[in-house]
mmCIF file of all heavy atoms, coordinates in Angstrom:
data_MODEL
# 
_entry.id   MODEL 
# 
loop_
_atom_site.group_PDB 
_atom_site.id 
_atom_site.type_symbol 
_atom_site.label_atom_id 
_atom_site.label_alt_id 
_atom_site.label_comp_id 
_atom_site.label_asym_id 
_atom_site.label_entity_id 
_atom_site.label_seq_id 
_atom_site.pdbx_PDB_ins_code 
_atom_site.Cartn_x 
_atom_site.Cartn_y 
_atom_site.Cartn_z 
_atom_site.occupancy 
_atom_site.B_iso_or_equiv 
_atom_site.pdbx_formal_charge 
_atom_site.auth_seq_id 
_atom_site.auth_comp_id 
_atom_site.auth_asym_id 
_atom_site.auth_atom_id 
_atom_site.pdbx_PDB_model_num 
ATOM 1   N N   . ASP A 1 1  ? 47.814 68.211 -18.597 1.00 0.00 ? 1  ASP A N   1 
ATOM 2   C CA  . ASP A 1 1  ? 46.669 68.627 -17.779 1.00 0.00 ? 1  ASP A CA  1 
ATOM 3   C C   . ASP A 1 1  ? 46.037 67.535 -17.067 1.00 0.00 ? 1  ASP A C   1 
ATOM 4   O O   . ASP A 1 1  ? 44.965 67.633 -16.411 1.00 0.00 ? 1  ASP A O   1 
ATOM 5   C CB  . ASP A 1 1  ? 45.596 69.329 -18.703 1.00 0.00 ? 1  ASP A CB  1 
ATOM 6   C CG  . ASP A 1 1  ? 46.165 70.676 -19.249 1.00 0.00 ? 1  ASP A CG  1 
ATOM 7   O OD1 . ASP A 1 1  ? 46.898 71.288 -18.652 1.00 0.00 ? 1  ASP A OD1 1 
ATOM 8   O OD2 . ASP A 1 1  ? 45.811 70.962 -20.425 1.00 0.00 ? 1  ASP A OD2 1 
ATOM 9   N N   . GLN A 1 2  ? 46.625 66.274 -17.098 1.00 0.00 ? 2  GLN A N   1 
ATOM 10  C CA  . GLN A 1 2  ? 46.055 65.148 -16.481 1.00 0.00 ? 2  GLN A CA  1 
ATOM 11  C C   . GLN A 1 2  ? 46.566 65.043 -15.005 1.00 0.00 ? 2  GLN A C   1 
ATOM 12  O O   . GLN A 1 2  ? 47.717 65.337 -14.696 1.00 0.00 ? 2  GLN A O   1 
ATOM 13  C CB  . GLN A 1 2  ? 46.491 63.832 -17.169 1.00 0.00 ? 2  GLN A CB  1 
ATOM 14  C CG  . GLN A 1 2  ? 46.086 63.779 -18.632 1.00 0.00 ? 2  GLN A CG  1 
ATOM 15  C CD  . GLN A 1 2  ? 44.557 63.634 -18.850 1.00 0.00 ? 2  GLN A CD  1 
ATOM 16  O OE1 . GLN A 1 2  ? 43.895 63.147 -17.932 1.00 0.00 ? 2  GLN A OE1 1 
ATOM 17  N NE2 . GLN A 1 2  ? 44.027 63.886 -20.079 1.00 0.00 ? 2  GLN A NE2 1 
ATOM 18  N N   . SER A 1 3  ? 45.682 64.668 -14.123 1.00 0.00 ? 3  SER A N   1 
ATOM 19  C CA  . SER A 1 3  ? 46.068 64.444 -12.740 1.00 0.00 ? 3  SER A CA  1 
ATOM 20  C C   . SER A 1 3  ? 46.792 63.084 -12.644 1.00 0.00 ? 3  SER A C   1 
ATOM 21  O O   . SER A 1 3  ? 46.769 62.233 -13.551 1.00 0.00 ? 3  SER A O   1 
ATOM 22  C CB  . SER A 1 3  ? 44.820 64.421 -11.834 1.00 0.00 ? 3  SER A CB  1 
ATOM 23  O OG  . SER A 1 3  ? 43.926 63.398 -12.173 1.00 0.00 ? 3  SER A OG  1 
ATOM 24  N N   . GLY A 1 4  ? 47.387 62.860 -11.427 1.00 0.00 ? 4  GLY A N   1 
ATOM 25  C CA  . GLY A 1 4  ? 48.018 61.607 -11.279 1.00 0.00 ? 4  GLY A CA  1 
ATOM 26  C C   . GLY A 1 4  ? 49.456 61.519 -11.626 1.00 0.00 ? 4  GLY A C   1 
ATOM 27  O O   . GLY A 1 4  ? 50.032 62.527 -12.159 1.00 0.00 ? 4  GLY A O   1 
ATOM 28  N N   . GLU A 1 5  ? 50.101 60.368 -11.445 1.00 0.00 ? 5  GLU A N   1 
ATOM 29  C CA  . GLU A 1 5  ? 51.520 60.266 -11.766 1.00 0.00 ? 5  GLU A CA  1 
ATOM 30  C C   . GLU A 1 5  ? 51.599 59.591 -13.264 1.00 0.00 ? 5  GLU A C   1 
ATOM 31  O O   . GLU A 1 5  ? 50.983 58.548 -13.523 1.00 0.00 ? 5  GLU A O   1 
ATOM 32  C CB  . GLU A 1 5  ? 52.195 59.353 -10.802 1.00 0.00 ? 5  GLU A CB  1 
ATOM 33  C CG  . GLU A 1 5  ? 52.207 59.886 -9.396  1.00 0.00 ? 5  GLU A CG  1 
ATOM 34  C CD  . GLU A 1 5  ? 53.003 58.951 -8.456  1.00 0.00 ? 5  GLU A CD  1 
ATOM 35  O OE1 . GLU A 1 5  ? 54.181 58.828 -8.628  1.00 0.00 ? 5  GLU A OE1 1 
ATOM 36  O OE2 . GLU A 1 5  ? 52.323 58.399 -7.598  1.00 0.00 ? 5  GLU A OE2 1 
ATOM 37  N N   . HIS A 1 6  ? 52.435 60.199 -14.084 1.00 0.00 ? 6  HIS A N   1 
ATOM 38  C CA  . HIS A 1 6  ? 52.573 59.783 -15.409 1.00 0.00 ? 6  HIS A CA  1 
ATOM 39  C C   . HIS A 1 6  ? 54.140 59.556 -15.738 1.00 0.00 ? 6  HIS A C   1 
ATOM 40  O O   . HIS A 1 6  ? 54.930 60.495 -15.376 1.00 0.00 ? 6  HIS A O   1 
ATOM 41  C CB  . HIS A 1 6  ? 51.996 60.735 -16.447 1.00 0.00 ? 6  HIS A CB  1 
ATOM 42  C CG  . HIS A 1 6  ? 50.512 60.817 -16.377 1.00 0.00 ? 6  HIS A CG  1 
ATOM 43  N ND1 . HIS A 1 6  ? 49.693 60.110 -17.159 1.00 0.00 ? 6  HIS A ND1 1 
ATOM 44  C CD2 . HIS A 1 6  ? 49.752 61.534 -15.434 1.00 0.00 ? 6  HIS A CD2 1 
ATOM 45  C CE1 . HIS A 1 6  ? 48.437 60.478 -16.884 1.00 0.00 ? 6  HIS A CE1 1 
ATOM 46  N NE2 . HIS A 1 6  ? 48.448 61.256 -15.843 1.00 0.00 ? 6  HIS A NE2 1 
ATOM 47  N N   . LEU A 1 7  ? 54.499 58.444 -16.328 1.00 0.00 ? 7  LEU A N   1 
ATOM 48  C CA  . LEU A 1 7  ? 55.889 58.227 -16.725 1.00 0.00 ? 7  LEU A CA  1 
ATOM 49  C C   . LEU A 1 7  ? 55.969 57.775 -18.150 1.00 0.00 ? 7  LEU A C   1 
ATOM 50  O O   . LEU A 1 7  ? 54.989 57.174 -18.697 1.00 0.00 ? 7  LEU A O   1 
ATOM 51  C CB  . LEU A 1 7  ? 56.469 57.095 -15.794 1.00 0.00 ? 7  LEU A CB  1 
ATOM 52  C CG  . LEU A 1 7  ? 56.646 57.465 -14.353 1.00 0.00 ? 7  LEU A CG  1 
ATOM 53  C CD1 . LEU A 1 7  ? 57.161 56.260 -13.576 1.00 0.00 ? 7  LEU A CD1 1 
ATOM 54  C CD2 . LEU A 1 7  ? 57.694 58.654 -14.156 1.00 0.00 ? 7  LEU A CD2 1 
ATOM 55  N N   . PHE A 1 8  ? 56.960 58.131 -18.770 1.00 0.00 ? 8  PHE A N   1 
ATOM 56  C CA  . PHE A 1 8  ? 57.224 57.816 -20.202 1.00 0.00 ? 8  PHE A CA  1 
ATOM 57  C C   . PHE A 1 8  ? 58.486 56.876 -20.393 1.00 0.00 ? 8  PHE A C   1 
ATOM 58  O O   . PHE A 1 8  ? 59.498 57.187 -19.761 1.00 0.00 ? 8  PHE A O   1 
ATOM 59  C CB  . PHE A 1 8  ? 57.501 59.038 -20.958 1.00 0.00 ? 8  PHE A CB  1 
ATOM 60  C CG  . PHE A 1 8  ? 57.797 58.845 -22.465 1.00 0.00 ? 8  PHE A CG  1 
ATOM 61  C CD1 . PHE A 1 8  ? 56.706 58.818 -23.403 1.00 0.00 ? 8  PHE A CD1 1 
ATOM 62  C CD2 . PHE A 1 8  ? 59.026 58.755 -22.921 1.00 0.00 ? 8  PHE A CD2 1 
ATOM 63  C CE1 . PHE A 1 8  ? 57.006 58.656 -24.767 1.00 0.00 ? 8  PHE A CE1 1 
ATOM 64  C CE2 . PHE A 1 8  ? 59.305 58.501 -24.217 1.00 0.00 ? 8  PHE A CE2 1 
ATOM 65  C CZ  . PHE A 1 8  ? 58.289 58.586 -25.142 1.00 0.00 ? 8  PHE A CZ  1 
ATOM 66  N N   . THR A 1 9  ? 58.259 55.760 -21.070 1.00 0.00 ? 9  THR A N   1 
ATOM 67  C CA  . THR A 1 9  ? 59.411 54.822 -21.305 1.00 0.00 ? 9  THR A CA  1 
ATOM 68  C C   . THR A 1 9  ? 59.674 54.792 -22.795 1.00 0.00 ? 9  THR A C   1 
ATOM 69  O O   . THR A 1 9  ? 58.687 54.625 -23.604 1.00 0.00 ? 9  THR A O   1 
ATOM 70  C CB  . THR A 1 9  ? 59.122 53.389 -20.732 1.00 0.00 ? 9  THR A CB  1 
ATOM 71  O OG1 . THR A 1 9  ? 57.930 52.947 -21.328 1.00 0.00 ? 9  THR A OG1 1 
ATOM 72  C CG2 . THR A 1 9  ? 59.070 53.385 -19.202 1.00 0.00 ? 9  THR A CG2 1 
ATOM 73  N N   . SER A 1 10 ? 60.900 54.899 -23.211 1.00 0.00 ? 10 SER A N   1 
ATOM 74  C CA  . SER A 1 10 ? 61.238 55.049 -24.584 1.00 0.00 ? 10 SER A CA  1 
ATOM 75  C C   . SER A 1 10 ? 61.582 53.686 -25.175 1.00 0.00 ? 10 SER A C   1 
ATOM 76  O O   . SER A 1 10 ? 61.784 52.701 -24.488 1.00 0.00 ? 10 SER A O   1 
ATOM 77  C CB  . SER A 1 10 ? 62.416 55.982 -24.767 1.00 0.00 ? 10 SER A CB  1 
ATOM 78  O OG  . SER A 1 10 ? 63.592 55.343 -24.209 1.00 0.00 ? 10 SER A OG  1 
ATOM 79  N N   . ARG A 1 11 ? 61.606 53.580 -26.467 1.00 0.00 ? 11 ARG A N   1 
ATOM 80  C CA  . ARG A 1 11 ? 61.939 52.311 -27.197 1.00 0.00 ? 11 ARG A CA  1 
ATOM 81  C C   . ARG A 1 11 ? 63.340 51.878 -26.773 1.00 0.00 ? 11 ARG A C   1 
ATOM 82  O O   . ARG A 1 11 ? 63.620 50.617 -26.757 1.00 0.00 ? 11 ARG A O   1 
ATOM 83  C CB  . ARG A 1 11 ? 61.732 52.523 -28.707 1.00 0.00 ? 11 ARG A CB  1 
ATOM 84  C CG  . ARG A 1 11 ? 60.278 52.749 -29.098 1.00 0.00 ? 11 ARG A CG  1 
ATOM 85  C CD  . ARG A 1 11 ? 60.229 52.926 -30.599 1.00 0.00 ? 11 ARG A CD  1 
ATOM 86  N NE  . ARG A 1 11 ? 58.870 53.161 -31.025 1.00 0.00 ? 11 ARG A NE  1 
ATOM 87  C CZ  . ARG A 1 11 ? 58.487 53.443 -32.343 1.00 0.00 ? 11 ARG A CZ  1 
ATOM 88  N NH1 . ARG A 1 11 ? 59.421 53.344 -33.275 1.00 0.00 ? 11 ARG A NH1 1 
ATOM 89  N NH2 . ARG A 1 11 ? 57.251 53.633 -32.613 1.00 0.00 ? 11 ARG A NH2 1 
ATOM 90  N N   . SER A 1 12 ? 64.181 52.749 -26.605 1.00 0.00 ? 12 SER A N   1 
ATOM 91  C CA  . SER A 1 12 ? 65.663 52.381 -26.342 1.00 0.00 ? 12 SER A CA  1 
ATOM 92  C C   . SER A 1 12 ? 65.749 51.721 -25.071 1.00 0.00 ? 12 SER A C   1 
ATOM 93  O O   . SER A 1 12 ? 66.691 50.957 -24.746 1.00 0.00 ? 12 SER A O   1 
ATOM 94  C CB  . SER A 1 12 ? 66.556 53.688 -26.334 1.00 0.00 ? 12 SER A CB  1 
ATOM 95  O OG  . SER A 1 12 ? 66.134 54.568 -25.328 1.00 0.00 ? 12 SER A OG  1 
ATOM 96  N N   . ASP A 1 13 ? 64.705 51.902 -24.102 1.00 0.00 ? 13 ASP A N   1 
ATOM 97  C CA  . ASP A 1 13 ? 64.802 51.169 -22.842 1.00 0.00 ? 13 ASP A CA  1 
ATOM 98  C C   . ASP A 1 13 ? 63.919 49.980 -22.774 1.00 0.00 ? 13 ASP A C   1 
ATOM 99  O O   . ASP A 1 13 ? 63.627 49.393 -21.777 1.00 0.00 ? 13 ASP A O   1 
ATOM 100 C CB  . ASP A 1 13 ? 64.279 52.247 -21.750 1.00 0.00 ? 13 ASP A CB  1 
ATOM 101 C CG  . ASP A 1 13 ? 65.105 53.356 -21.615 1.00 0.00 ? 13 ASP A CG  1 
ATOM 102 O OD1 . ASP A 1 13 ? 66.326 53.256 -21.904 1.00 0.00 ? 13 ASP A OD1 1 
ATOM 103 O OD2 . ASP A 1 13 ? 64.598 54.470 -21.337 1.00 0.00 ? 13 ASP A OD2 1 
ATOM 104 N N   . ALA A 1 14 ? 63.397 49.550 -23.904 1.00 0.00 ? 14 ALA A N   1 
ATOM 105 C CA  . ALA A 1 14 ? 62.349 48.507 -24.021 1.00 0.00 ? 14 ALA A CA  1 
ATOM 106 C C   . ALA A 1 14 ? 62.632 47.254 -23.180 1.00 0.00 ? 14 ALA A C   1 
ATOM 107 O O   . ALA A 1 14 ? 61.811 46.824 -22.517 1.00 0.00 ? 14 ALA A O   1 
ATOM 108 C CB  . ALA A 1 14 ? 62.044 48.172 -25.431 1.00 0.00 ? 14 ALA A CB  1 
ATOM 109 N N   . ARG A 1 15 ? 63.827 46.667 -23.386 1.00 0.00 ? 15 ARG A N   1 
ATOM 110 C CA  . ARG A 1 15 ? 64.097 45.386 -22.791 1.00 0.00 ? 15 ARG A CA  1 
ATOM 111 C C   . ARG A 1 15 ? 64.209 45.504 -21.230 1.00 0.00 ? 15 ARG A C   1 
ATOM 112 O O   . ARG A 1 15 ? 63.911 44.509 -20.492 1.00 0.00 ? 15 ARG A O   1 
ATOM 113 C CB  . ARG A 1 15 ? 65.425 44.855 -23.359 1.00 0.00 ? 15 ARG A CB  1 
ATOM 114 C CG  . ARG A 1 15 ? 65.605 43.376 -22.996 1.00 0.00 ? 15 ARG A CG  1 
ATOM 115 C CD  . ARG A 1 15 ? 64.546 42.455 -23.690 1.00 0.00 ? 15 ARG A CD  1 
ATOM 116 N NE  . ARG A 1 15 ? 64.844 41.052 -23.648 1.00 0.00 ? 15 ARG A NE  1 
ATOM 117 C CZ  . ARG A 1 15 ? 64.026 40.067 -24.121 1.00 0.00 ? 15 ARG A CZ  1 
ATOM 118 N NH1 . ARG A 1 15 ? 62.940 40.411 -24.731 1.00 0.00 ? 15 ARG A NH1 1 
ATOM 119 N NH2 . ARG A 1 15 ? 64.373 38.880 -24.024 1.00 0.00 ? 15 ARG A NH2 1 
ATOM 120 N N   . SER A 1 16 ? 64.617 46.662 -20.670 1.00 0.00 ? 16 SER A N   1 
ATOM 121 C CA  . SER A 1 16 ? 64.694 46.817 -19.284 1.00 0.00 ? 16 SER A CA  1 
ATOM 122 C C   . SER A 1 16 ? 63.585 47.524 -18.659 1.00 0.00 ? 16 SER A C   1 
ATOM 123 O O   . SER A 1 16 ? 63.561 47.731 -17.469 1.00 0.00 ? 16 SER A O   1 
ATOM 124 C CB  . SER A 1 16 ? 66.054 47.513 -19.007 1.00 0.00 ? 16 SER A CB  1 
ATOM 125 O OG  . SER A 1 16 ? 65.968 48.920 -19.588 1.00 0.00 ? 16 SER A OG  1 
ATOM 126 N N   . SER A 1 17 ? 62.530 47.913 -19.442 1.00 0.00 ? 17 SER A N   1 
ATOM 127 C CA  . SER A 1 17 ? 61.458 48.736 -18.930 1.00 0.00 ? 17 SER A CA  1 
ATOM 128 C C   . SER A 1 17 ? 60.562 47.873 -17.942 1.00 0.00 ? 17 SER A C   1 
ATOM 129 O O   . SER A 1 17 ? 60.605 46.605 -18.031 1.00 0.00 ? 17 SER A O   1 
ATOM 130 C CB  . SER A 1 17 ? 60.654 49.345 -20.002 1.00 0.00 ? 17 SER A CB  1 
ATOM 131 O OG  . SER A 1 17 ? 59.858 48.299 -20.576 1.00 0.00 ? 17 SER A OG  1 
ATOM 132 N N   . ILE A 1 18 ? 59.823 48.500 -17.162 1.00 0.00 ? 18 ILE A N   1 
ATOM 133 C CA  . ILE A 1 18 ? 58.968 47.827 -16.166 1.00 0.00 ? 18 ILE A CA  1 
ATOM 134 C C   . ILE A 1 18 ? 57.854 46.949 -16.945 1.00 0.00 ? 18 ILE A C   1 
ATOM 135 O O   . ILE A 1 18 ? 57.604 45.882 -16.533 1.00 0.00 ? 18 ILE A O   1 
ATOM 136 C CB  . ILE A 1 18 ? 58.291 48.756 -15.190 1.00 0.00 ? 18 ILE A CB  1 
ATOM 137 C CG1 . ILE A 1 18 ? 57.435 48.073 -14.168 1.00 0.00 ? 18 ILE A CG1 1 
ATOM 138 C CG2 . ILE A 1 18 ? 57.503 49.808 -15.982 1.00 0.00 ? 18 ILE A CG2 1 
ATOM 139 C CD1 . ILE A 1 18 ? 58.197 47.196 -13.261 1.00 0.00 ? 18 ILE A CD1 1 
ATOM 140 N N   . GLY A 1 19 ? 57.393 47.571 -18.064 1.00 0.00 ? 19 GLY A N   1 
ATOM 141 C CA  . GLY A 1 19 ? 56.459 46.762 -18.856 1.00 0.00 ? 19 GLY A CA  1 
ATOM 142 C C   . GLY A 1 19 ? 57.055 45.524 -19.489 1.00 0.00 ? 19 GLY A C   1 
ATOM 143 O O   . GLY A 1 19 ? 56.373 44.451 -19.437 1.00 0.00 ? 19 GLY A O   1 
ATOM 144 N N   . GLU A 1 20 ? 58.305 45.517 -19.899 1.00 0.00 ? 20 GLU A N   1 
ATOM 145 C CA  . GLU A 1 20 ? 58.877 44.353 -20.440 1.00 0.00 ? 20 GLU A CA  1 
ATOM 146 C C   . GLU A 1 20 ? 59.213 43.392 -19.267 1.00 0.00 ? 20 GLU A C   1 
ATOM 147 O O   . GLU A 1 20 ? 59.036 42.120 -19.442 1.00 0.00 ? 20 GLU A O   1 
ATOM 148 C CB  . GLU A 1 20 ? 60.209 44.735 -21.177 1.00 0.00 ? 20 GLU A CB  1 
ATOM 149 C CG  . GLU A 1 20 ? 60.854 43.626 -21.958 1.00 0.00 ? 20 GLU A CG  1 
ATOM 150 C CD  . GLU A 1 20 ? 60.129 43.248 -23.172 1.00 0.00 ? 20 GLU A CD  1 
ATOM 151 O OE1 . GLU A 1 20 ? 59.181 43.993 -23.591 1.00 0.00 ? 20 GLU A OE1 1 
ATOM 152 O OE2 . GLU A 1 20 ? 60.466 42.187 -23.766 1.00 0.00 ? 20 GLU A OE2 1 
ATOM 153 N N   . ARG A 1 21 ? 59.691 43.839 -18.228 1.00 0.00 ? 21 ARG A N   1 
ATOM 154 C CA  . ARG A 1 21 ? 60.027 42.989 -17.068 1.00 0.00 ? 21 ARG A CA  1 
ATOM 155 C C   . ARG A 1 21 ? 58.783 42.298 -16.555 1.00 0.00 ? 21 ARG A C   1 
ATOM 156 O O   . ARG A 1 21 ? 58.877 41.186 -15.945 1.00 0.00 ? 21 ARG A O   1 
ATOM 157 C CB  . ARG A 1 21 ? 60.722 43.817 -15.984 1.00 0.00 ? 21 ARG A CB  1 
ATOM 158 C CG  . ARG A 1 21 ? 62.113 44.179 -16.305 1.00 0.00 ? 21 ARG A CG  1 
ATOM 159 C CD  . ARG A 1 21 ? 62.865 44.737 -15.063 1.00 0.00 ? 21 ARG A CD  1 
ATOM 160 N NE  . ARG A 1 21 ? 62.511 46.038 -14.784 1.00 0.00 ? 21 ARG A NE  1 
ATOM 161 C CZ  . ARG A 1 21 ? 61.927 46.409 -13.561 1.00 0.00 ? 21 ARG A CZ  1 
ATOM 162 N NH1 . ARG A 1 21 ? 61.682 45.498 -12.687 1.00 0.00 ? 21 ARG A NH1 1 
ATOM 163 N NH2 . ARG A 1 21 ? 61.660 47.632 -13.365 1.00 0.00 ? 21 ARG A NH2 1 
ATOM 164 N N   . LEU A 1 22 ? 57.647 42.836 -16.701 1.00 0.00 ? 22 LEU A N   1 
ATOM 165 C CA  . LEU A 1 22 ? 56.456 42.227 -16.195 1.00 0.00 ? 22 LEU A CA  1 
ATOM 166 C C   . LEU A 1 22 ? 55.683 41.534 -17.330 1.00 0.00 ? 22 LEU A C   1 
ATOM 167 O O   . LEU A 1 22 ? 54.502 41.138 -17.153 1.00 0.00 ? 22 LEU A O   1 
ATOM 168 C CB  . LEU A 1 22 ? 55.460 43.265 -15.605 1.00 0.00 ? 22 LEU A CB  1 
ATOM 169 C CG  . LEU A 1 22 ? 56.027 43.886 -14.262 1.00 0.00 ? 22 LEU A CG  1 
ATOM 170 C CD1 . LEU A 1 22 ? 55.072 45.003 -13.832 1.00 0.00 ? 22 LEU A CD1 1 
ATOM 171 C CD2 . LEU A 1 22 ? 56.164 42.775 -13.129 1.00 0.00 ? 22 LEU A CD2 1 
ATOM 172 N N   . ALA A 1 23 ? 56.334 41.472 -18.524 1.00 0.00 ? 23 ALA A N   1 
ATOM 173 C CA  . ALA A 1 23 ? 55.705 40.698 -19.690 1.00 0.00 ? 23 ALA A CA  1 
ATOM 174 C C   . ALA A 1 23 ? 54.356 41.295 -20.086 1.00 0.00 ? 23 ALA A C   1 
ATOM 175 O O   . ALA A 1 23 ? 53.415 40.569 -20.416 1.00 0.00 ? 23 ALA A O   1 
ATOM 176 C CB  . ALA A 1 23 ? 55.587 39.230 -19.357 1.00 0.00 ? 23 ALA A CB  1 
ATOM 177 N N   . VAL A 1 24 ? 54.262 42.622 -20.074 1.00 0.00 ? 24 VAL A N   1 
ATOM 178 C CA  . VAL A 1 24 ? 53.019 43.250 -20.585 1.00 0.00 ? 24 VAL A CA  1 
ATOM 179 C C   . VAL A 1 24 ? 53.044 43.059 -22.066 1.00 0.00 ? 24 VAL A C   1 
ATOM 180 O O   . VAL A 1 24 ? 53.932 43.612 -22.764 1.00 0.00 ? 24 VAL A O   1 
ATOM 181 C CB  . VAL A 1 24 ? 53.029 44.757 -20.087 1.00 0.00 ? 24 VAL A CB  1 
ATOM 182 C CG1 . VAL A 1 24 ? 51.801 45.458 -20.792 1.00 0.00 ? 24 VAL A CG1 1 
ATOM 183 C CG2 . VAL A 1 24 ? 52.913 44.883 -18.642 1.00 0.00 ? 24 VAL A CG2 1 
ATOM 184 N N   . SER A 1 25 ? 51.971 42.494 -22.587 1.00 0.00 ? 25 SER A N   1 
ATOM 185 C CA  . SER A 1 25 ? 51.871 42.139 -23.985 1.00 0.00 ? 25 SER A CA  1 
ATOM 186 C C   . SER A 1 25 ? 50.769 42.770 -24.688 1.00 0.00 ? 25 SER A C   1 
ATOM 187 O O   . SER A 1 25 ? 50.635 42.719 -25.945 1.00 0.00 ? 25 SER A O   1 
ATOM 188 C CB  . SER A 1 25 ? 51.883 40.634 -24.218 1.00 0.00 ? 25 SER A CB  1 
ATOM 189 O OG  . SER A 1 25 ? 50.734 40.104 -23.526 1.00 0.00 ? 25 SER A OG  1 
ATOM 190 N N   . SER A 1 26 ? 49.877 43.494 -23.945 1.00 0.00 ? 26 SER A N   1 
ATOM 191 C CA  . SER A 1 26 ? 48.736 44.121 -24.631 1.00 0.00 ? 26 SER A CA  1 
ATOM 192 C C   . SER A 1 26 ? 48.464 45.453 -23.946 1.00 0.00 ? 26 SER A C   1 
ATOM 193 O O   . SER A 1 26 ? 48.804 45.654 -22.744 1.00 0.00 ? 26 SER A O   1 
ATOM 194 C CB  . SER A 1 26 ? 47.492 43.279 -24.559 1.00 0.00 ? 26 SER A CB  1 
ATOM 195 O OG  . SER A 1 26 ? 47.101 42.989 -23.278 1.00 0.00 ? 26 SER A OG  1 
ATOM 196 N N   . TYR A 1 27 ? 47.797 46.370 -24.608 1.00 0.00 ? 27 TYR A N   1 
ATOM 197 C CA  . TYR A 1 27 ? 47.482 47.647 -24.072 1.00 0.00 ? 27 TYR A CA  1 
ATOM 198 C C   . TYR A 1 27 ? 45.975 48.007 -24.326 1.00 0.00 ? 27 TYR A C   1 
ATOM 199 O O   . TYR A 1 27 ? 45.555 47.676 -25.422 1.00 0.00 ? 27 TYR A O   1 
ATOM 200 C CB  . TYR A 1 27 ? 48.382 48.742 -24.777 1.00 0.00 ? 27 TYR A CB  1 
ATOM 201 C CG  . TYR A 1 27 ? 49.816 48.590 -24.535 1.00 0.00 ? 27 TYR A CG  1 
ATOM 202 C CD1 . TYR A 1 27 ? 50.670 47.762 -25.169 1.00 0.00 ? 27 TYR A CD1 1 
ATOM 203 C CD2 . TYR A 1 27 ? 50.424 49.366 -23.473 1.00 0.00 ? 27 TYR A CD2 1 
ATOM 204 C CE1 . TYR A 1 27 ? 51.987 47.589 -24.917 1.00 0.00 ? 27 TYR A CE1 1 
ATOM 205 C CE2 . TYR A 1 27 ? 51.795 49.233 -23.220 1.00 0.00 ? 27 TYR A CE2 1 
ATOM 206 C CZ  . TYR A 1 27 ? 52.617 48.390 -23.962 1.00 0.00 ? 27 TYR A CZ  1 
ATOM 207 O OH  . TYR A 1 27 ? 53.929 48.288 -23.663 1.00 0.00 ? 27 TYR A OH  1 
ATOM 208 N N   . PRO A 1 28 ? 45.314 48.633 -23.333 1.00 0.00 ? 28 PRO A N   1 
ATOM 209 C CA  . PRO A 1 28 ? 45.845 48.933 -22.017 1.00 0.00 ? 28 PRO A CA  1 
ATOM 210 C C   . PRO A 1 28 ? 45.967 47.618 -21.174 1.00 0.00 ? 28 PRO A C   1 
ATOM 211 O O   . PRO A 1 28 ? 45.265 46.625 -21.432 1.00 0.00 ? 28 PRO A O   1 
ATOM 212 C CB  . PRO A 1 28 ? 44.792 49.919 -21.487 1.00 0.00 ? 28 PRO A CB  1 
ATOM 213 C CG  . PRO A 1 28 ? 43.513 49.540 -22.193 1.00 0.00 ? 28 PRO A CG  1 
ATOM 214 C CD  . PRO A 1 28 ? 43.913 49.102 -23.530 1.00 0.00 ? 28 PRO A CD  1 
ATOM 215 N N   . SER A 1 29 ? 46.739 47.781 -20.168 1.00 0.00 ? 29 SER A N   1 
ATOM 216 C CA  . SER A 1 29 ? 46.938 46.552 -19.263 1.00 0.00 ? 29 SER A CA  1 
ATOM 217 C C   . SER A 1 29 ? 47.215 47.047 -17.911 1.00 0.00 ? 29 SER A C   1 
ATOM 218 O O   . SER A 1 29 ? 47.795 48.160 -17.741 1.00 0.00 ? 29 SER A O   1 
ATOM 219 C CB  . SER A 1 29 ? 48.062 45.683 -19.790 1.00 0.00 ? 29 SER A CB  1 
ATOM 220 O OG  . SER A 1 29 ? 48.232 44.539 -19.050 1.00 0.00 ? 29 SER A OG  1 
ATOM 221 N N   . TYR A 1 30 ? 46.925 46.323 -16.912 1.00 0.00 ? 30 TYR A N   1 
ATOM 222 C CA  . TYR A 1 30 ? 47.038 46.794 -15.483 1.00 0.00 ? 30 TYR A CA  1 
ATOM 223 C C   . TYR A 1 30 ? 47.631 45.748 -14.619 1.00 0.00 ? 30 TYR A C   1 
ATOM 224 O O   . TYR A 1 30 ? 47.253 44.514 -14.786 1.00 0.00 ? 30 TYR A O   1 
ATOM 225 C CB  . TYR A 1 30 ? 45.613 47.158 -14.887 1.00 0.00 ? 30 TYR A CB  1 
ATOM 226 C CG  . TYR A 1 30 ? 44.829 48.056 -15.812 1.00 0.00 ? 30 TYR A CG  1 
ATOM 227 C CD1 . TYR A 1 30 ? 43.980 47.604 -16.814 1.00 0.00 ? 30 TYR A CD1 1 
ATOM 228 C CD2 . TYR A 1 30 ? 44.936 49.397 -15.652 1.00 0.00 ? 30 TYR A CD2 1 
ATOM 229 C CE1 . TYR A 1 30 ? 43.317 48.381 -17.673 1.00 0.00 ? 30 TYR A CE1 1 
ATOM 230 C CE2 . TYR A 1 30 ? 44.156 50.276 -16.481 1.00 0.00 ? 30 TYR A CE2 1 
ATOM 231 C CZ  . TYR A 1 30 ? 43.433 49.793 -17.513 1.00 0.00 ? 30 TYR A CZ  1 
ATOM 232 O OH  . TYR A 1 30 ? 42.727 50.623 -18.326 1.00 0.00 ? 30 TYR A OH  1 
ATOM 233 N N   . VAL A 1 31 ? 48.438 46.082 -13.770 1.00 0.00 ? 31 VAL A N   1 
ATOM 234 C CA  . VAL A 1 31 ? 49.103 45.222 -12.749 1.00 0.00 ? 31 VAL A CA  1 
ATOM 235 C C   . VAL A 1 31 ? 48.787 45.702 -11.374 1.00 0.00 ? 31 VAL A C   1 
ATOM 236 O O   . VAL A 1 31 ? 49.156 46.935 -11.119 1.00 0.00 ? 31 VAL A O   1 
ATOM 237 C CB  . VAL A 1 31 ? 50.652 45.056 -13.009 1.00 0.00 ? 31 VAL A CB  1 
ATOM 238 C CG1 . VAL A 1 31 ? 51.223 44.116 -11.959 1.00 0.00 ? 31 VAL A CG1 1 
ATOM 239 C CG2 . VAL A 1 31 ? 50.975 44.456 -14.401 1.00 0.00 ? 31 VAL A CG2 1 
# 
């Protein structure tokens, strides 16, 4: 029921995910 764009990344994709590629190390975090 949330507005906006939402994406889900799984643990199996961890090393190649956008968060990993941008070295996101804490949550919440914003780029």
